Amino acid sequence: MSDYNFPVTTNLCYILNDNNEVLLIMKKRGVGQGKWNGPGGKVGENESIEESVIREVEEETGLKVGNLKNKGVLEFVAPAKPAIQSRCHIFITRDYQGDLIESEECYGRWHPVNNLPFEQMWDDDVIWLGKLLKQEAEVRYRFFLDKDEKLERYEEI
């Protein structure tokens, strides 16, 4: 798929509701602290990508998701920060149940798809997230990050 080594496989899940809103989580600690993002995380050993999405969403939000649609992949190349070099599988769904909870790691809020808090999100989100959420289109990008996790450049893959 690429000439880069991705020691970590991750996922993100964007849950859409009937009010044209998306659920984003605010990270309280760890990678992404202080940023809004979709729920998700690392794929565990002996776990499929879909199983990890379901597990991560429930751990972080309390919601159970189904009918996941795989909408592409994002690759993060970060030579100065190998811990964040990863391949991330992107999912969306409108199928969820349960009550939104706050966890030790994060809290969730619904945001209008047409008014996302990009100033409090990762630099790359402005490039692809609108396309995913508004058109439910597939996204396939490779992002190159500097030592401060800032976006240097990107390419479609």
N, C-alpha and C. Protein backbone atom coordinates (compact mmCIF):
# COMPACT_ATOMS: atom_id res chain seq x y z
N MET A 1 0.82 -1.20 0.00
CA MET A 1 0.00 0.00 0.00
C MET A 1 0.86 1.26 0.00
N SER A 2 1.97 1.23 0.76
CA SER A 2 2.86 2.38 0.75
C SER A 2 4.27 1.94 1.08
N ASP A 3 5.21 2.85 0.88
CA ASP A 3 6.61 2.57 1.18
C ASP A 3 6.94 2.90 2.63
N TYR A 4 5.98 3.31 3.41
CA TYR A 4 6.21 3.73 4.78
C TYR A 4 5.83 2.60 5.75
N ASN A 5 6.50 2.58 6.88
CA ASN A 5 6.20 1.61 7.92
C ASN A 5 5.25 2.25 8.93
N PHE A 6 4.15 1.57 9.18
CA PHE A 6 3.16 2.07 10.13
C PHE A 6 3.03 1.05 11.25
N PRO A 7 3.77 1.28 12.36
CA PRO A 7 3.75 0.31 13.45
C PRO A 7 2.42 0.26 14.20
N VAL A 8 1.61 1.28 14.04
CA VAL A 8 0.35 1.35 14.76
C VAL A 8 -0.80 1.45 13.77
N THR A 9 -1.86 0.64 14.00
CA THR A 9 -3.09 0.73 13.24
C THR A 9 -4.17 1.29 14.16
N THR A 10 -4.84 2.32 13.70
CA THR A 10 -5.86 2.97 14.52
C THR A 10 -7.16 3.10 13.72
N ASN A 11 -8.16 3.66 14.37
CA ASN A 11 -9.45 3.90 13.72
C ASN A 11 -10.08 5.15 14.30
N LEU A 12 -10.97 5.74 13.52
CA LEU A 12 -11.83 6.83 13.96
C LEU A 12 -13.23 6.54 13.45
N CYS A 13 -14.22 6.87 14.27
CA CYS A 13 -15.61 6.64 13.89
C CYS A 13 -16.39 7.94 14.06
N TYR A 14 -17.01 8.36 12.99
CA TYR A 14 -17.83 9.57 13.02
C TYR A 14 -19.30 9.17 13.01
N ILE A 15 -19.98 9.46 14.12
CA ILE A 15 -21.39 9.10 14.31
C ILE A 15 -22.23 10.31 13.95
N LEU A 16 -23.15 10.12 13.01
CA LEU A 16 -24.04 11.19 12.55
C LEU A 16 -25.44 10.97 13.10
N ASN A 17 -26.10 12.06 13.51
CA ASN A 17 -27.48 11.94 13.98
C ASN A 17 -28.46 12.54 12.97
N ASP A 18 -29.74 12.49 13.31
CA ASP A 18 -30.78 12.97 12.39
C ASP A 18 -30.86 14.49 12.30
N ASN A 19 -30.09 15.20 13.14
CA ASN A 19 -30.08 16.66 13.12
C ASN A 19 -28.89 17.23 12.33
N ASN A 20 -28.27 16.39 11.49
CA ASN A 20 -27.09 16.78 10.71
C ASN A 20 -25.95 17.23 11.62
N GLU A 21 -25.78 16.47 12.70
CA GLU A 21 -24.69 16.71 13.64
C GLU A 21 -23.80 15.48 13.70
N VAL A 22 -22.55 15.70 14.11
CA VAL A 22 -21.58 14.62 14.27
C VAL A 22 -21.09 14.64 15.72
N LEU A 23 -20.89 13.46 16.26
CA LEU A 23 -20.36 13.36 17.62
C LEU A 23 -18.83 13.45 17.58
N LEU A 24 -18.30 14.43 18.29
CA LEU A 24 -16.86 14.56 18.45
C LEU A 24 -16.53 14.42 19.93
N ILE A 25 -15.33 13.92 20.22
CA ILE A 25 -14.88 13.82 21.60
C ILE A 25 -13.75 14.81 21.85
N MET A 26 -13.72 15.35 23.06
CA MET A 26 -12.62 16.21 23.49
C MET A 26 -11.71 15.36 24.37
N LYS A 27 -10.47 15.18 23.90
CA LYS A 27 -9.50 14.37 24.65
C LYS A 27 -9.03 15.14 25.88
N LYS A 28 -9.06 14.46 27.03
CA LYS A 28 -8.61 15.07 28.29
C LYS A 28 -7.17 14.71 28.62
N ARG A 29 -6.61 13.70 27.91
CA ARG A 29 -5.24 13.28 28.18
C ARG A 29 -4.68 12.54 26.98
N GLY A 30 -3.38 12.32 26.98
CA GLY A 30 -2.75 11.53 25.93
C GLY A 30 -2.65 12.25 24.60
N VAL A 31 -2.39 11.46 23.55
CA VAL A 31 -2.26 12.02 22.20
C VAL A 31 -3.58 12.72 21.84
N GLY A 32 -3.47 13.96 21.40
CA GLY A 32 -4.66 14.71 21.03
C GLY A 32 -5.32 15.46 22.16
N GLN A 33 -4.69 15.51 23.33
CA GLN A 33 -5.27 16.22 24.46
C GLN A 33 -5.63 17.65 24.06
N GLY A 34 -6.85 18.08 24.41
CA GLY A 34 -7.30 19.43 24.10
C GLY A 34 -7.83 19.61 22.69
N LYS A 35 -7.99 18.50 21.97
CA LYS A 35 -8.50 18.56 20.59
C LYS A 35 -9.81 17.78 20.47
N TRP A 36 -10.67 18.27 19.58
CA TRP A 36 -11.87 17.53 19.20
C TRP A 36 -11.48 16.54 18.12
N ASN A 37 -12.05 15.35 18.19
CA ASN A 37 -11.79 14.32 17.21
C ASN A 37 -12.94 13.33 17.24
N GLY A 38 -12.96 12.42 16.29
CA GLY A 38 -13.93 11.33 16.36
C GLY A 38 -13.47 10.32 17.39
N PRO A 39 -14.41 9.58 17.99
CA PRO A 39 -13.99 8.50 18.89
C PRO A 39 -13.22 7.45 18.11
N GLY A 40 -12.31 6.79 18.79
CA GLY A 40 -11.53 5.74 18.16
C GLY A 40 -10.25 5.50 18.93
N GLY A 41 -9.39 4.69 18.36
CA GLY A 41 -8.13 4.40 19.03
C GLY A 41 -7.37 3.29 18.33
N LYS A 42 -6.48 2.68 19.07
CA LYS A 42 -5.62 1.63 18.52
C LYS A 42 -6.37 0.31 18.38
N VAL A 43 -6.01 -0.41 17.32
CA VAL A 43 -6.53 -1.75 17.12
C VAL A 43 -5.73 -2.68 18.02
N GLY A 44 -6.43 -3.46 18.83
CA GLY A 44 -5.77 -4.37 19.75
C GLY A 44 -5.30 -5.64 19.08
N GLU A 45 -4.41 -6.35 19.77
CA GLU A 45 -3.91 -7.62 19.27
C GLU A 45 -5.07 -8.61 19.15
N ASN A 46 -5.09 -9.38 18.08
CA ASN A 46 -6.16 -10.36 17.82
C ASN A 46 -7.54 -9.72 17.73
N GLU A 47 -7.60 -8.48 17.27
CA GLU A 47 -8.86 -7.75 17.15
C GLU A 47 -8.96 -7.24 15.72
N SER A 48 -10.13 -7.40 15.10
CA SER A 48 -10.31 -6.83 13.76
C SER A 48 -10.48 -5.31 13.89
N ILE A 49 -10.31 -4.62 12.78
CA ILE A 49 -10.48 -3.17 12.79
C ILE A 49 -11.90 -2.82 13.22
N GLU A 50 -12.89 -3.53 12.70
CA GLU A 50 -14.29 -3.25 13.05
C GLU A 50 -14.56 -3.52 14.53
N GLU A 51 -14.00 -4.61 15.06
CA GLU A 51 -14.17 -4.91 16.49
C GLU A 51 -13.57 -3.80 17.34
N SER A 52 -12.42 -3.28 16.91
CA SER A 52 -11.78 -2.23 17.69
C SER A 52 -12.59 -0.93 17.64
N VAL A 53 -13.20 -0.63 16.50
CA VAL A 53 -14.04 0.57 16.39
C VAL A 53 -15.19 0.48 17.39
N ILE A 54 -15.88 -0.65 17.38
CA ILE A 54 -17.03 -0.84 18.27
C ILE A 54 -16.60 -0.72 19.73
N ARG A 55 -15.48 -1.35 20.09
CA ARG A 55 -14.98 -1.31 21.46
C ARG A 55 -14.58 0.11 21.87
N GLU A 56 -13.79 0.78 21.02
CA GLU A 56 -13.30 2.12 21.34
C GLU A 56 -14.46 3.12 21.50
N VAL A 57 -15.42 3.07 20.58
CA VAL A 57 -16.56 4.00 20.66
C VAL A 57 -17.30 3.79 21.98
N GLU A 58 -17.54 2.54 22.34
CA GLU A 58 -18.28 2.28 23.58
C GLU A 58 -17.48 2.72 24.81
N GLU A 59 -16.17 2.44 24.82
CA GLU A 59 -15.33 2.84 25.96
C GLU A 59 -15.31 4.36 26.12
N GLU A 60 -15.23 5.08 25.02
CA GLU A 60 -15.08 6.53 25.08
C GLU A 60 -16.39 7.28 25.21
N THR A 61 -17.49 6.72 24.70
CA THR A 61 -18.74 7.48 24.67
C THR A 61 -19.92 6.80 25.36
N GLY A 62 -19.82 5.49 25.59
CA GLY A 62 -20.95 4.74 26.14
C GLY A 62 -21.93 4.28 25.08
N LEU A 63 -21.72 4.68 23.83
CA LEU A 63 -22.65 4.32 22.76
C LEU A 63 -22.22 3.03 22.08
N LYS A 64 -23.22 2.25 21.69
CA LYS A 64 -22.99 1.04 20.90
C LYS A 64 -23.30 1.38 19.45
N VAL A 65 -22.35 1.09 18.56
CA VAL A 65 -22.53 1.42 17.15
C VAL A 65 -22.65 0.15 16.31
N GLY A 66 -23.35 0.28 15.20
CA GLY A 66 -23.49 -0.80 14.24
C GLY A 66 -23.50 -0.24 12.84
N ASN A 67 -23.65 -1.12 11.85
CA ASN A 67 -23.74 -0.72 10.46
C ASN A 67 -22.62 0.26 10.07
N LEU A 68 -21.40 -0.10 10.46
CA LEU A 68 -20.24 0.74 10.18
C LEU A 68 -19.91 0.74 8.70
N LYS A 69 -19.63 1.92 8.17
CA LYS A 69 -19.22 2.04 6.77
C LYS A 69 -17.76 2.49 6.75
N ASN A 70 -16.90 1.64 6.18
CA ASN A 70 -15.49 1.98 6.06
C ASN A 70 -15.36 3.00 4.93
N LYS A 71 -14.84 4.17 5.26
CA LYS A 71 -14.77 5.26 4.29
C LYS A 71 -13.36 5.69 3.95
N GLY A 72 -12.39 4.80 4.21
CA GLY A 72 -11.06 5.13 3.75
C GLY A 72 -9.99 4.99 4.81
N VAL A 73 -8.84 5.59 4.49
CA VAL A 73 -7.68 5.46 5.35
C VAL A 73 -6.88 6.76 5.32
N LEU A 74 -6.31 7.09 6.47
CA LEU A 74 -5.38 8.21 6.58
C LEU A 74 -4.06 7.65 7.08
N GLU A 75 -2.98 8.07 6.47
CA GLU A 75 -1.65 7.66 6.92
C GLU A 75 -0.94 8.89 7.48
N PHE A 76 -0.31 8.70 8.64
CA PHE A 76 0.42 9.78 9.29
C PHE A 76 1.89 9.40 9.35
N VAL A 77 2.70 10.15 8.61
CA VAL A 77 4.14 9.92 8.55
C VAL A 77 4.79 10.97 9.44
N ALA A 78 5.48 10.50 10.49
CA ALA A 78 6.06 11.41 11.47
C ALA A 78 7.43 10.90 11.91
N PRO A 79 8.46 11.09 11.08
CA PRO A 79 9.79 10.55 11.40
C PRO A 79 10.33 11.01 12.75
N ALA A 80 10.00 12.24 13.16
CA ALA A 80 10.48 12.75 14.44
C ALA A 80 9.65 12.27 15.63
N LYS A 81 8.50 11.67 15.36
CA LYS A 81 7.60 11.19 16.42
C LYS A 81 7.06 9.82 16.03
N PRO A 82 7.92 8.79 16.08
CA PRO A 82 7.48 7.46 15.63
C PRO A 82 6.26 6.92 16.37
N ALA A 83 6.01 7.38 17.57
CA ALA A 83 4.85 6.90 18.34
C ALA A 83 3.53 7.28 17.70
N ILE A 84 3.52 8.34 16.90
CA ILE A 84 2.25 8.74 16.26
C ILE A 84 2.20 8.36 14.79
N GLN A 85 3.26 7.72 14.29
CA GLN A 85 3.23 7.27 12.90
C GLN A 85 2.26 6.10 12.81
N SER A 86 1.19 6.27 12.04
CA SER A 86 0.13 5.27 12.06
C SER A 86 -0.69 5.30 10.77
N ARG A 87 -1.43 4.23 10.59
CA ARG A 87 -2.43 4.12 9.52
C ARG A 87 -3.78 4.06 10.23
N CYS A 88 -4.66 4.99 9.87
CA CYS A 88 -5.95 5.14 10.55
C CYS A 88 -7.09 4.84 9.58
N HIS A 89 -7.94 3.90 9.96
CA HIS A 89 -9.12 3.54 9.16
C HIS A 89 -10.30 4.39 9.63
N ILE A 90 -11.01 4.96 8.67
CA ILE A 90 -12.08 5.92 8.94
C ILE A 90 -13.45 5.27 8.69
N PHE A 91 -14.33 5.43 9.67
CA PHE A 91 -15.68 4.86 9.58
C PHE A 91 -16.71 5.94 9.88
N ILE A 92 -17.89 5.78 9.29
CA ILE A 92 -19.05 6.59 9.67
C ILE A 92 -20.22 5.65 9.91
N THR A 93 -21.15 6.14 10.71
CA THR A 93 -22.38 5.40 10.96
C THR A 93 -23.47 6.35 11.41
N ARG A 94 -24.69 5.94 11.18
CA ARG A 94 -25.87 6.62 11.73
C ARG A 94 -26.59 5.70 12.71
N ASP A 95 -26.01 4.53 12.92
CA ASP A 95 -26.62 3.48 13.74
C ASP A 95 -25.93 3.44 15.10
N TYR A 96 -26.59 4.00 16.10
CA TYR A 96 -26.04 4.00 17.45
C TYR A 96 -27.17 3.94 18.46
N GLN A 97 -26.83 3.46 19.65
CA GLN A 97 -27.81 3.42 20.74
C GLN A 97 -27.09 3.57 22.06
N GLY A 98 -27.84 3.99 23.06
CA GLY A 98 -27.28 4.18 24.39
C GLY A 98 -27.25 5.64 24.77
N ASP A 99 -26.69 5.90 25.93
CA ASP A 99 -26.59 7.26 26.46
C ASP A 99 -25.13 7.71 26.45
N LEU A 100 -24.91 8.92 25.99
CA LEU A 100 -23.58 9.49 25.93
C LEU A 100 -23.04 9.68 27.35
N ILE A 101 -21.82 9.19 27.59
CA ILE A 101 -21.18 9.32 28.90
C ILE A 101 -19.86 10.07 28.76
N GLU A 102 -19.36 10.56 29.89
CA GLU A 102 -18.01 11.12 29.95
C GLU A 102 -17.11 10.06 30.56
N SER A 103 -15.95 9.85 29.96
CA SER A 103 -14.99 8.87 30.47
C SER A 103 -13.79 9.62 31.07
N GLU A 104 -12.88 8.88 31.66
CA GLU A 104 -11.66 9.50 32.20
C GLU A 104 -10.83 10.11 31.08
N GLU A 105 -10.98 9.58 29.88
CA GLU A 105 -10.16 10.00 28.74
C GLU A 105 -10.75 11.17 27.96
N CYS A 106 -12.10 11.27 27.93
CA CYS A 106 -12.70 12.26 27.05
C CYS A 106 -14.17 12.50 27.40
N TYR A 107 -14.73 13.53 26.77
CA TYR A 107 -16.18 13.75 26.80
C TYR A 107 -16.64 14.08 25.39
N GLY A 108 -17.89 13.77 25.10
CA GLY A 108 -18.42 13.96 23.76
C GLY A 108 -19.44 15.08 23.68
N ARG A 109 -19.53 15.69 22.50
CA ARG A 109 -20.53 16.71 22.20
C ARG A 109 -20.94 16.56 20.73
N TRP A 110 -22.20 16.86 20.47
CA TRP A 110 -22.68 16.88 19.08
C TRP A 110 -22.38 18.23 18.47
N HIS A 111 -21.86 18.23 17.25
CA HIS A 111 -21.50 19.46 16.53
C HIS A 111 -22.19 19.48 15.17
N PRO A 112 -22.73 20.62 14.75
CA PRO A 112 -23.32 20.71 13.42
C PRO A 112 -22.25 20.40 12.36
N VAL A 113 -22.61 19.57 11.40
CA VAL A 113 -21.67 19.20 10.34
C VAL A 113 -21.16 20.44 9.59
N ASN A 114 -22.00 21.46 9.48
CA ASN A 114 -21.62 22.67 8.76
C ASN A 114 -20.89 23.71 9.62
N ASN A 115 -20.61 23.37 10.88
CA ASN A 115 -19.95 24.33 11.77
C ASN A 115 -19.04 23.57 12.74
N LEU A 116 -18.01 22.94 12.20
CA LEU A 116 -17.10 22.13 13.01
C LEU A 116 -16.04 23.02 13.67
N PRO A 117 -15.58 22.66 14.86
CA PRO A 117 -14.60 23.47 15.59
C PRO A 117 -13.16 23.23 15.11
N PHE A 118 -12.89 23.52 13.84
CA PHE A 118 -11.59 23.21 13.25
C PHE A 118 -10.42 23.84 14.01
N GLU A 119 -10.65 24.99 14.65
CA GLU A 119 -9.55 25.64 15.37
C GLU A 119 -9.11 24.83 16.58
N GLN A 120 -9.91 23.86 17.00
CA GLN A 120 -9.56 22.99 18.13
C GLN A 120 -9.44 21.53 17.67
N MET A 121 -9.06 21.34 16.41
CA MET A 121 -8.92 20.00 15.86
C MET A 121 -7.52 19.86 15.26
N TRP A 122 -7.19 18.65 14.83
CA TRP A 122 -5.92 18.41 14.16
C TRP A 122 -5.89 19.19 12.86
N ASP A 123 -4.68 19.63 12.45
CA ASP A 123 -4.50 20.44 11.23
C ASP A 123 -5.08 19.75 10.00
N ASP A 124 -4.95 18.44 9.91
CA ASP A 124 -5.39 17.73 8.71
C ASP A 124 -6.90 17.65 8.56
N ASP A 125 -7.64 17.78 9.65
CA ASP A 125 -9.09 17.59 9.60
C ASP A 125 -9.78 18.53 8.62
N VAL A 126 -9.28 19.74 8.50
CA VAL A 126 -9.91 20.71 7.60
C VAL A 126 -9.83 20.26 6.14
N ILE A 127 -8.86 19.41 5.83
CA ILE A 127 -8.64 18.95 4.45
C ILE A 127 -9.66 17.89 4.04
N TRP A 128 -10.00 16.97 4.93
CA TRP A 128 -10.79 15.81 4.54
C TRP A 128 -12.11 15.61 5.28
N LEU A 129 -12.27 16.15 6.47
CA LEU A 129 -13.44 15.80 7.28
C LEU A 129 -14.75 16.30 6.70
N GLY A 130 -14.76 17.50 6.13
CA GLY A 130 -15.98 18.00 5.51
C GLY A 130 -16.44 17.12 4.35
N LYS A 131 -15.49 16.70 3.55
CA LYS A 131 -15.79 15.80 2.42
C LYS A 131 -16.43 14.51 2.92
N LEU A 132 -15.87 13.96 3.98
CA LEU A 132 -16.42 12.73 4.55
C LEU A 132 -17.83 12.94 5.08
N LEU A 133 -18.03 13.98 5.89
CA LEU A 133 -19.30 14.17 6.58
C LEU A 133 -20.41 14.71 5.70
N LYS A 134 -20.09 15.60 4.78
CA LYS A 134 -21.12 16.22 3.95
C LYS A 134 -21.51 15.37 2.76
N GLN A 135 -20.54 14.63 2.21
CA GLN A 135 -20.80 13.83 1.02
C GLN A 135 -20.77 12.33 1.31
N GLU A 136 -20.39 11.98 2.55
CA GLU A 136 -20.17 10.58 2.92
C GLU A 136 -19.26 9.92 1.88
N ALA A 137 -18.26 10.70 1.42
CA ALA A 137 -17.32 10.25 0.40
C ALA A 137 -16.12 9.57 1.06
N GLU A 138 -15.48 8.71 0.29
CA GLU A 138 -14.28 8.04 0.79
C GLU A 138 -13.12 9.03 0.84
N VAL A 139 -12.26 8.86 1.84
CA VAL A 139 -11.08 9.71 1.99
C VAL A 139 -9.84 8.82 2.06
N ARG A 140 -8.80 9.21 1.32
CA ARG A 140 -7.53 8.47 1.30
C ARG A 140 -6.41 9.49 1.18
N TYR A 141 -5.74 9.76 2.30
CA TYR A 141 -4.70 10.77 2.33
C TYR A 141 -3.49 10.27 3.13
N ARG A 142 -2.34 10.85 2.80
CA ARG A 142 -1.12 10.65 3.59
C ARG A 142 -0.67 12.03 4.06
N PHE A 143 -0.48 12.16 5.37
CA PHE A 143 -0.08 13.42 5.97
C PHE A 143 1.33 13.29 6.54
N PHE A 144 2.13 14.32 6.32
CA PHE A 144 3.51 14.36 6.81
C PHE A 144 3.56 15.39 7.94
N LEU A 145 3.97 14.94 9.12
CA LEU A 145 3.96 15.78 10.32
C LEU A 145 5.38 16.09 10.78
N ASP A 146 5.56 17.29 11.34
CA ASP A 146 6.88 17.67 11.87
C ASP A 146 7.02 17.22 13.32
N LYS A 147 8.12 17.62 13.95
CA LYS A 147 8.41 17.18 15.32
C LYS A 147 7.38 17.69 16.32
N ASP A 148 6.63 18.75 15.98
CA ASP A 148 5.61 19.30 16.86
C ASP A 148 4.20 18.82 16.48
N GLU A 149 4.15 17.78 15.65
CA GLU A 149 2.90 17.17 15.19
C GLU A 149 2.08 18.13 14.31
N LYS A 150 2.74 19.10 13.71
CA LYS A 150 2.08 20.04 12.80
C LYS A 150 2.20 19.51 11.38
N LEU A 151 1.18 19.79 10.60
CA LEU A 151 1.12 19.33 9.21
C LEU A 151 2.12 20.08 8.35
N GLU A 152 3.02 19.34 7.68
CA GLU A 152 3.98 19.94 6.75
C GLU A 152 3.45 19.90 5.32
N ARG A 153 2.90 18.73 4.94
CA ARG A 153 2.35 18.59 3.60
C ARG A 153 1.48 17.33 3.59
N TYR A 154 0.75 17.16 2.47
CA TYR A 154 -0.09 15.97 2.35
C TYR A 154 -0.24 15.61 0.89
N GLU A 155 -0.73 14.38 0.68
CA GLU A 155 -0.99 13.90 -0.67
C GLU A 155 -2.16 12.93 -0.62
N GLU A 156 -2.89 12.84 -1.72
CA GLU A 156 -3.94 11.83 -1.83
C GLU A 156 -3.28 10.51 -2.18
N ILE A 157 -3.83 9.43 -1.66
CA ILE A 157 -3.28 8.10 -1.96
C ILE A 157 -4.36 7.22 -2.55
